[in-house]
Amino acid sequence: MDYLLLKTLHQSLVTLSIAGFAARGLGSLNGAAWVGRPLAKRLPHLVDSLLLLSALALLWMLQLNPLSSPWLLAKLLGLLLYIGLGVLALQARRPAWQRTLAFAAALATVGWMVSVAISKSPWGFFRLMLQ
């Protein structure tokens, strides 16, 4: 597969994944019934699986090693934090204030991850504070 096509696919899946999470999070916080429907629960797994496959394909194509690329390692650690916060944000049994806080923190984390990917710096948008 062509690099530009693969990168565009990856970026599109990132956008779709973030938009889907934002929609589910807002829907969940507002008590929307559609959040609990099968499609709303299964579609994110499909999108995120394709996102992971495209990321692995880019790593392989570019011969990148997360352990020797600080920005990439930071992004992967951020991904783990984002997943954990996302799980907390979407758990209906948690109090609304916890879900709201986790949702906001998850969105901030994914924003930072995008800034890391763009800047190729492990600091991402925090780099602006260091200057």
N, C-alpha and C. Protein backbone atom coordinates (compact mmCIF):
# COMPACT_ATOMS: atom_id res chain seq x y z
N MET A 1 0.84 -1.18 0.00
CA MET A 1 0.00 0.00 0.00
C MET A 1 0.88 1.24 0.00
N ASP A 2 0.45 2.24 -0.67
CA ASP A 2 1.15 3.51 -0.77
C ASP A 2 1.15 4.23 0.59
N TYR A 3 2.28 4.85 0.94
CA TYR A 3 2.42 5.52 2.23
C TYR A 3 1.37 6.60 2.42
N LEU A 4 1.19 7.47 1.43
CA LEU A 4 0.25 8.57 1.58
C LEU A 4 -1.18 8.07 1.78
N LEU A 5 -1.55 7.02 1.08
CA LEU A 5 -2.87 6.42 1.25
C LEU A 5 -3.04 5.85 2.66
N LEU A 6 -2.02 5.14 3.12
CA LEU A 6 -2.07 4.55 4.46
C LEU A 6 -2.11 5.63 5.54
N LYS A 7 -1.33 6.68 5.39
CA LYS A 7 -1.34 7.77 6.37
C LYS A 7 -2.70 8.47 6.38
N THR A 8 -3.27 8.69 5.21
CA THR A 8 -4.59 9.32 5.12
C THR A 8 -5.66 8.43 5.75
N LEU A 9 -5.58 7.13 5.51
CA LEU A 9 -6.51 6.19 6.12
C LEU A 9 -6.39 6.25 7.65
N HIS A 10 -5.16 6.24 8.14
CA HIS A 10 -4.91 6.30 9.59
C HIS A 10 -5.49 7.59 10.18
N GLN A 11 -5.20 8.71 9.56
CA GLN A 11 -5.70 9.99 10.06
C GLN A 11 -7.23 10.06 10.02
N SER A 12 -7.82 9.48 8.99
CA SER A 12 -9.28 9.45 8.88
C SER A 12 -9.88 8.60 9.99
N LEU A 13 -9.24 7.46 10.27
CA LEU A 13 -9.72 6.60 11.34
C LEU A 13 -9.55 7.24 12.71
N VAL A 14 -8.47 8.00 12.89
CA VAL A 14 -8.28 8.75 14.13
C VAL A 14 -9.44 9.73 14.32
N THR A 15 -9.75 10.47 13.27
CA THR A 15 -10.83 11.45 13.32
C THR A 15 -12.16 10.77 13.63
N LEU A 16 -12.43 9.67 12.95
CA LEU A 16 -13.68 8.92 13.17
C LEU A 16 -13.75 8.37 14.59
N SER A 17 -12.64 7.85 15.09
CA SER A 17 -12.59 7.29 16.44
C SER A 17 -12.84 8.37 17.49
N ILE A 18 -12.18 9.50 17.35
CA ILE A 18 -12.34 10.59 18.32
C ILE A 18 -13.77 11.14 18.26
N ALA A 19 -14.28 11.34 17.06
CA ALA A 19 -15.65 11.86 16.92
C ALA A 19 -16.65 10.87 17.51
N GLY A 20 -16.43 9.59 17.27
CA GLY A 20 -17.31 8.58 17.84
C GLY A 20 -17.28 8.56 19.35
N PHE A 21 -16.08 8.66 19.92
CA PHE A 21 -15.96 8.71 21.38
C PHE A 21 -16.64 9.95 21.94
N ALA A 22 -16.43 11.09 21.29
CA ALA A 22 -17.05 12.34 21.76
C ALA A 22 -18.57 12.22 21.72
N ALA A 23 -19.10 11.67 20.64
CA ALA A 23 -20.54 11.51 20.53
C ALA A 23 -21.07 10.55 21.59
N ARG A 24 -20.40 9.42 21.77
CA ARG A 24 -20.85 8.45 22.79
C ARG A 24 -20.74 9.04 24.19
N GLY A 25 -19.65 9.76 24.44
CA GLY A 25 -19.47 10.37 25.75
C GLY A 25 -20.55 11.39 26.05
N LEU A 26 -20.83 12.27 25.10
CA LEU A 26 -21.87 13.28 25.30
C LEU A 26 -23.24 12.61 25.43
N GLY A 27 -23.47 11.61 24.58
CA GLY A 27 -24.74 10.88 24.67
C GLY A 27 -24.90 10.18 26.00
N SER A 28 -23.85 9.57 26.47
CA SER A 28 -23.88 8.86 27.75
C SER A 28 -24.14 9.83 28.90
N LEU A 29 -23.46 10.96 28.89
CA LEU A 29 -23.64 11.95 29.96
C LEU A 29 -25.04 12.55 29.95
N ASN A 30 -25.68 12.56 28.78
CA ASN A 30 -27.04 13.10 28.67
C ASN A 30 -28.11 12.04 28.74
N GLY A 31 -27.71 10.79 29.00
CA GLY A 31 -28.68 9.72 29.16
C GLY A 31 -29.35 9.25 27.88
N ALA A 32 -28.70 9.43 26.73
CA ALA A 32 -29.29 9.03 25.45
C ALA A 32 -29.38 7.51 25.35
N ALA A 33 -30.52 7.02 24.91
CA ALA A 33 -30.75 5.57 24.81
C ALA A 33 -29.89 4.91 23.74
N TRP A 34 -29.59 5.64 22.66
CA TRP A 34 -28.84 5.05 21.56
C TRP A 34 -27.45 4.57 21.96
N VAL A 35 -26.90 5.13 23.03
CA VAL A 35 -25.55 4.76 23.48
C VAL A 35 -25.48 3.28 23.86
N GLY A 36 -26.58 2.73 24.34
CA GLY A 36 -26.60 1.33 24.76
C GLY A 36 -26.98 0.35 23.67
N ARG A 37 -27.28 0.83 22.49
CA ARG A 37 -27.69 -0.06 21.39
C ARG A 37 -26.47 -0.79 20.83
N PRO A 38 -26.72 -1.98 20.26
CA PRO A 38 -25.61 -2.82 19.77
C PRO A 38 -24.67 -2.12 18.77
N LEU A 39 -25.23 -1.37 17.83
CA LEU A 39 -24.37 -0.71 16.84
C LEU A 39 -23.44 0.30 17.51
N ALA A 40 -23.96 1.04 18.46
CA ALA A 40 -23.14 2.04 19.17
C ALA A 40 -22.06 1.39 20.01
N LYS A 41 -22.27 0.15 20.38
CA LYS A 41 -21.27 -0.56 21.18
C LYS A 41 -20.26 -1.31 20.31
N ARG A 42 -20.67 -1.76 19.15
CA ARG A 42 -19.80 -2.59 18.30
C ARG A 42 -18.99 -1.78 17.29
N LEU A 43 -19.59 -0.75 16.73
CA LEU A 43 -18.91 0.03 15.70
C LEU A 43 -17.57 0.61 16.16
N PRO A 44 -17.48 1.14 17.39
CA PRO A 44 -16.18 1.65 17.84
C PRO A 44 -15.07 0.59 17.84
N HIS A 45 -15.44 -0.66 18.13
CA HIS A 45 -14.43 -1.72 18.12
C HIS A 45 -13.90 -1.96 16.71
N LEU A 46 -14.78 -1.89 15.73
CA LEU A 46 -14.36 -2.05 14.34
C LEU A 46 -13.44 -0.90 13.92
N VAL A 47 -13.87 0.33 14.20
CA VAL A 47 -13.06 1.50 13.84
C VAL A 47 -11.71 1.45 14.54
N ASP A 48 -11.70 1.15 15.82
CA ASP A 48 -10.44 1.14 16.57
C ASP A 48 -9.53 -0.01 16.17
N SER A 49 -10.11 -1.13 15.76
CA SER A 49 -9.30 -2.25 15.26
C SER A 49 -8.62 -1.87 13.94
N LEU A 50 -9.37 -1.22 13.06
CA LEU A 50 -8.79 -0.76 11.79
C LEU A 50 -7.73 0.31 12.05
N LEU A 51 -7.98 1.16 13.03
CA LEU A 51 -7.02 2.20 13.41
C LEU A 51 -5.72 1.56 13.89
N LEU A 52 -5.83 0.55 14.73
CA LEU A 52 -4.64 -0.15 15.22
C LEU A 52 -3.89 -0.83 14.08
N LEU A 53 -4.61 -1.48 13.18
CA LEU A 53 -3.96 -2.13 12.03
C LEU A 53 -3.24 -1.12 11.15
N SER A 54 -3.86 0.04 10.93
CA SER A 54 -3.20 1.06 10.10
C SER A 54 -1.96 1.61 10.81
N ALA A 55 -2.02 1.74 12.14
CA ALA A 55 -0.86 2.21 12.90
C ALA A 55 0.28 1.21 12.81
N LEU A 56 -0.04 -0.07 12.96
CA LEU A 56 0.99 -1.11 12.86
C LEU A 56 1.59 -1.16 11.45
N ALA A 57 0.75 -0.97 10.46
CA ALA A 57 1.25 -0.95 9.08
C ALA A 57 2.18 0.23 8.85
N LEU A 58 1.85 1.39 9.41
CA LEU A 58 2.73 2.55 9.30
C LEU A 58 4.05 2.32 10.02
N LEU A 59 3.98 1.73 11.21
CA LEU A 59 5.22 1.41 11.94
C LEU A 59 6.11 0.49 11.12
N TRP A 60 5.50 -0.52 10.53
CA TRP A 60 6.27 -1.48 9.73
C TRP A 60 6.83 -0.80 8.47
N MET A 61 5.99 -0.04 7.79
CA MET A 61 6.41 0.62 6.55
C MET A 61 7.55 1.60 6.80
N LEU A 62 7.47 2.35 7.89
CA LEU A 62 8.48 3.37 8.20
C LEU A 62 9.63 2.82 9.05
N GLN A 63 9.51 1.54 9.43
CA GLN A 63 10.51 0.88 10.27
C GLN A 63 10.78 1.67 11.54
N LEU A 64 9.68 2.06 12.20
CA LEU A 64 9.78 2.81 13.45
C LEU A 64 9.69 1.86 14.63
N ASN A 65 10.48 2.14 15.65
CA ASN A 65 10.45 1.37 16.88
C ASN A 65 10.04 2.33 18.00
N PRO A 66 8.91 2.07 18.65
CA PRO A 66 8.46 2.97 19.71
C PRO A 66 9.49 3.16 20.83
N LEU A 67 10.32 2.15 21.06
CA LEU A 67 11.31 2.26 22.13
C LEU A 67 12.48 3.17 21.77
N SER A 68 12.66 3.42 20.49
CA SER A 68 13.75 4.32 20.08
C SER A 68 13.22 5.63 19.49
N SER A 69 11.92 5.84 19.57
CA SER A 69 11.29 7.09 19.11
C SER A 69 10.49 7.66 20.28
N PRO A 70 11.07 8.60 21.03
CA PRO A 70 10.41 9.11 22.23
C PRO A 70 8.99 9.63 21.99
N TRP A 71 8.77 10.30 20.87
CA TRP A 71 7.44 10.83 20.60
C TRP A 71 6.43 9.71 20.41
N LEU A 72 6.87 8.62 19.80
CA LEU A 72 5.97 7.49 19.56
C LEU A 72 5.68 6.74 20.86
N LEU A 73 6.68 6.59 21.69
CA LEU A 73 6.47 5.96 23.00
C LEU A 73 5.51 6.80 23.84
N ALA A 74 5.67 8.12 23.80
CA ALA A 74 4.77 9.01 24.54
C ALA A 74 3.34 8.84 24.03
N LYS A 75 3.19 8.72 22.72
CA LYS A 75 1.86 8.56 22.14
C LYS A 75 1.23 7.24 22.58
N LEU A 76 2.01 6.19 22.64
CA LEU A 76 1.50 4.89 23.07
C LEU A 76 1.10 4.90 24.55
N LEU A 77 1.90 5.56 25.38
CA LEU A 77 1.55 5.69 26.79
C LEU A 77 0.28 6.54 26.95
N GLY A 78 0.18 7.58 26.13
CA GLY A 78 -1.03 8.40 26.13
C GLY A 78 -2.24 7.60 25.71
N LEU A 79 -2.05 6.68 24.77
CA LEU A 79 -3.15 5.83 24.33
C LEU A 79 -3.68 4.98 25.47
N LEU A 80 -2.79 4.44 26.28
CA LEU A 80 -3.23 3.64 27.43
C LEU A 80 -4.03 4.49 28.42
N LEU A 81 -3.57 5.72 28.66
CA LEU A 81 -4.29 6.63 29.54
C LEU A 81 -5.65 6.98 28.94
N TYR A 82 -5.69 7.26 27.65
CA TYR A 82 -6.93 7.60 26.95
C TYR A 82 -7.94 6.45 27.03
N ILE A 83 -7.48 5.24 26.85
CA ILE A 83 -8.37 4.08 26.94
C ILE A 83 -8.94 3.95 28.35
N GLY A 84 -8.08 4.07 29.35
CA GLY A 84 -8.54 3.97 30.73
C GLY A 84 -9.56 5.06 31.08
N LEU A 85 -9.26 6.28 30.69
CA LEU A 85 -10.19 7.38 30.96
C LEU A 85 -11.49 7.21 30.19
N GLY A 86 -11.38 6.72 28.96
CA GLY A 86 -12.57 6.49 28.14
C GLY A 86 -13.49 5.44 28.75
N VAL A 87 -12.89 4.39 29.28
CA VAL A 87 -13.69 3.34 29.94
C VAL A 87 -14.43 3.94 31.14
N LEU A 88 -13.73 4.73 31.94
CA LEU A 88 -14.37 5.36 33.10
C LEU A 88 -15.49 6.30 32.66
N ALA A 89 -15.25 7.06 31.60
CA ALA A 89 -16.23 8.04 31.13
C ALA A 89 -17.52 7.39 30.63
N LEU A 90 -17.42 6.18 30.11
CA LEU A 90 -18.58 5.54 29.52
C LEU A 90 -19.28 4.54 30.45
N GLN A 91 -18.79 4.39 31.67
CA GLN A 91 -19.42 3.47 32.62
C GLN A 91 -20.61 4.15 33.29
N ALA A 92 -21.81 3.68 32.94
CA ALA A 92 -23.04 4.30 33.44
C ALA A 92 -23.19 4.20 34.96
N ARG A 93 -22.55 3.22 35.56
CA ARG A 93 -22.73 3.04 37.01
C ARG A 93 -21.94 4.04 37.85
N ARG A 94 -21.05 4.77 37.22
CA ARG A 94 -20.26 5.77 37.96
C ARG A 94 -21.07 7.07 38.11
N PRO A 95 -20.76 7.84 39.15
CA PRO A 95 -21.44 9.13 39.31
C PRO A 95 -21.15 10.06 38.13
N ALA A 96 -22.10 10.92 37.83
CA ALA A 96 -21.99 11.81 36.68
C ALA A 96 -20.74 12.69 36.75
N TRP A 97 -20.38 13.17 37.95
CA TRP A 97 -19.21 14.04 38.06
C TRP A 97 -17.93 13.29 37.71
N GLN A 98 -17.82 12.01 38.07
CA GLN A 98 -16.64 11.22 37.73
C GLN A 98 -16.58 10.98 36.22
N ARG A 99 -17.73 10.65 35.64
CA ARG A 99 -17.78 10.40 34.20
C ARG A 99 -17.45 11.67 33.41
N THR A 100 -17.96 12.81 33.89
CA THR A 100 -17.69 14.08 33.22
C THR A 100 -16.20 14.42 33.29
N LEU A 101 -15.62 14.24 34.46
CA LEU A 101 -14.19 14.51 34.63
C LEU A 101 -13.34 13.58 33.77
N ALA A 102 -13.68 12.29 33.76
CA ALA A 102 -12.94 11.32 32.94
C ALA A 102 -13.10 11.63 31.45
N PHE A 103 -14.30 12.03 31.05
CA PHE A 103 -14.56 12.38 29.65
C PHE A 103 -13.70 13.57 29.22
N ALA A 104 -13.69 14.62 30.04
CA ALA A 104 -12.89 15.81 29.73
C ALA A 104 -11.39 15.46 29.69
N ALA A 105 -10.95 14.65 30.64
CA ALA A 105 -9.54 14.25 30.68
C ALA A 105 -9.18 13.38 29.48
N ALA A 106 -10.10 12.52 29.07
CA ALA A 106 -9.86 11.67 27.89
C ALA A 106 -9.73 12.54 26.64
N LEU A 107 -10.60 13.52 26.49
CA LEU A 107 -10.51 14.41 25.32
C LEU A 107 -9.22 15.23 25.35
N ALA A 108 -8.82 15.70 26.52
CA ALA A 108 -7.55 16.43 26.63
C ALA A 108 -6.38 15.53 26.29
N THR A 109 -6.44 14.28 26.74
CA THR A 109 -5.36 13.32 26.46
C THR A 109 -5.25 13.04 24.97
N VAL A 110 -6.38 12.83 24.32
CA VAL A 110 -6.33 12.54 22.89
C VAL A 110 -5.89 13.78 22.10
N GLY A 111 -6.26 14.96 22.59
CA GLY A 111 -5.77 16.19 21.96
C GLY A 111 -4.25 16.29 22.06
N TRP A 112 -3.74 15.94 23.24
CA TRP A 112 -2.28 15.95 23.43
C TRP A 112 -1.63 14.92 22.50
N MET A 113 -2.25 13.74 22.37
CA MET A 113 -1.69 12.70 21.51
C MET A 113 -1.61 13.17 20.05
N VAL A 114 -2.64 13.87 19.61
CA VAL A 114 -2.63 14.41 18.24
C VAL A 114 -1.50 15.44 18.11
N SER A 115 -1.31 16.27 19.14
CA SER A 115 -0.24 17.27 19.08
C SER A 115 1.13 16.60 19.08
N VAL A 116 1.26 15.48 19.76
CA VAL A 116 2.52 14.72 19.75
C VAL A 116 2.78 14.19 18.34
N ALA A 117 1.74 13.65 17.71
CA ALA A 117 1.88 13.10 16.36
C ALA A 117 2.26 14.18 15.36
N ILE A 118 1.69 15.35 15.51
CA ILE A 118 1.98 16.45 14.57
C ILE A 118 3.38 17.01 14.79
N SER A 119 3.74 17.23 16.06
CA SER A 119 5.02 17.88 16.37
C SER A 119 6.20 16.91 16.40
N LYS A 120 5.90 15.61 16.52
CA LYS A 120 6.94 14.58 16.69
C LYS A 120 7.80 14.86 17.92
N SER A 121 7.16 15.48 18.91
CA SER A 121 7.80 15.76 20.19
C SER A 121 6.99 15.07 21.28
N PRO A 122 7.64 14.38 22.22
CA PRO A 122 6.89 13.74 23.30
C PRO A 122 6.13 14.73 24.18
N TRP A 123 6.48 16.01 24.10
CA TRP A 123 5.81 17.02 24.89
C TRP A 123 4.51 17.48 24.24
N GLY A 124 4.39 17.35 22.93
CA GLY A 124 3.19 17.81 22.22
C GLY A 124 2.93 19.28 22.50
N PHE A 125 1.67 19.63 22.80
CA PHE A 125 1.35 21.05 23.02
C PHE A 125 1.94 21.58 24.32
N PHE A 126 2.42 20.72 25.21
CA PHE A 126 3.09 21.19 26.43
C PHE A 126 4.44 21.83 26.07
N ARG A 127 4.94 21.52 24.91
CA ARG A 127 6.21 22.09 24.44
C ARG A 127 6.14 23.62 24.39
N LEU A 128 4.95 24.14 24.09
CA LEU A 128 4.78 25.59 24.01
C LEU A 128 5.03 26.25 25.37
N MET A 129 4.72 25.54 26.43
CA MET A 129 4.93 26.06 27.79
C MET A 129 6.40 26.06 28.16
N LEU A 130 7.19 25.24 27.50
CA LEU A 130 8.62 25.12 27.82
C LEU A 130 9.46 26.17 27.11
N GLN A 131 8.87 26.83 26.15
CA GLN A 131 9.65 27.80 25.37
C GLN A 131 9.64 29.17 25.98
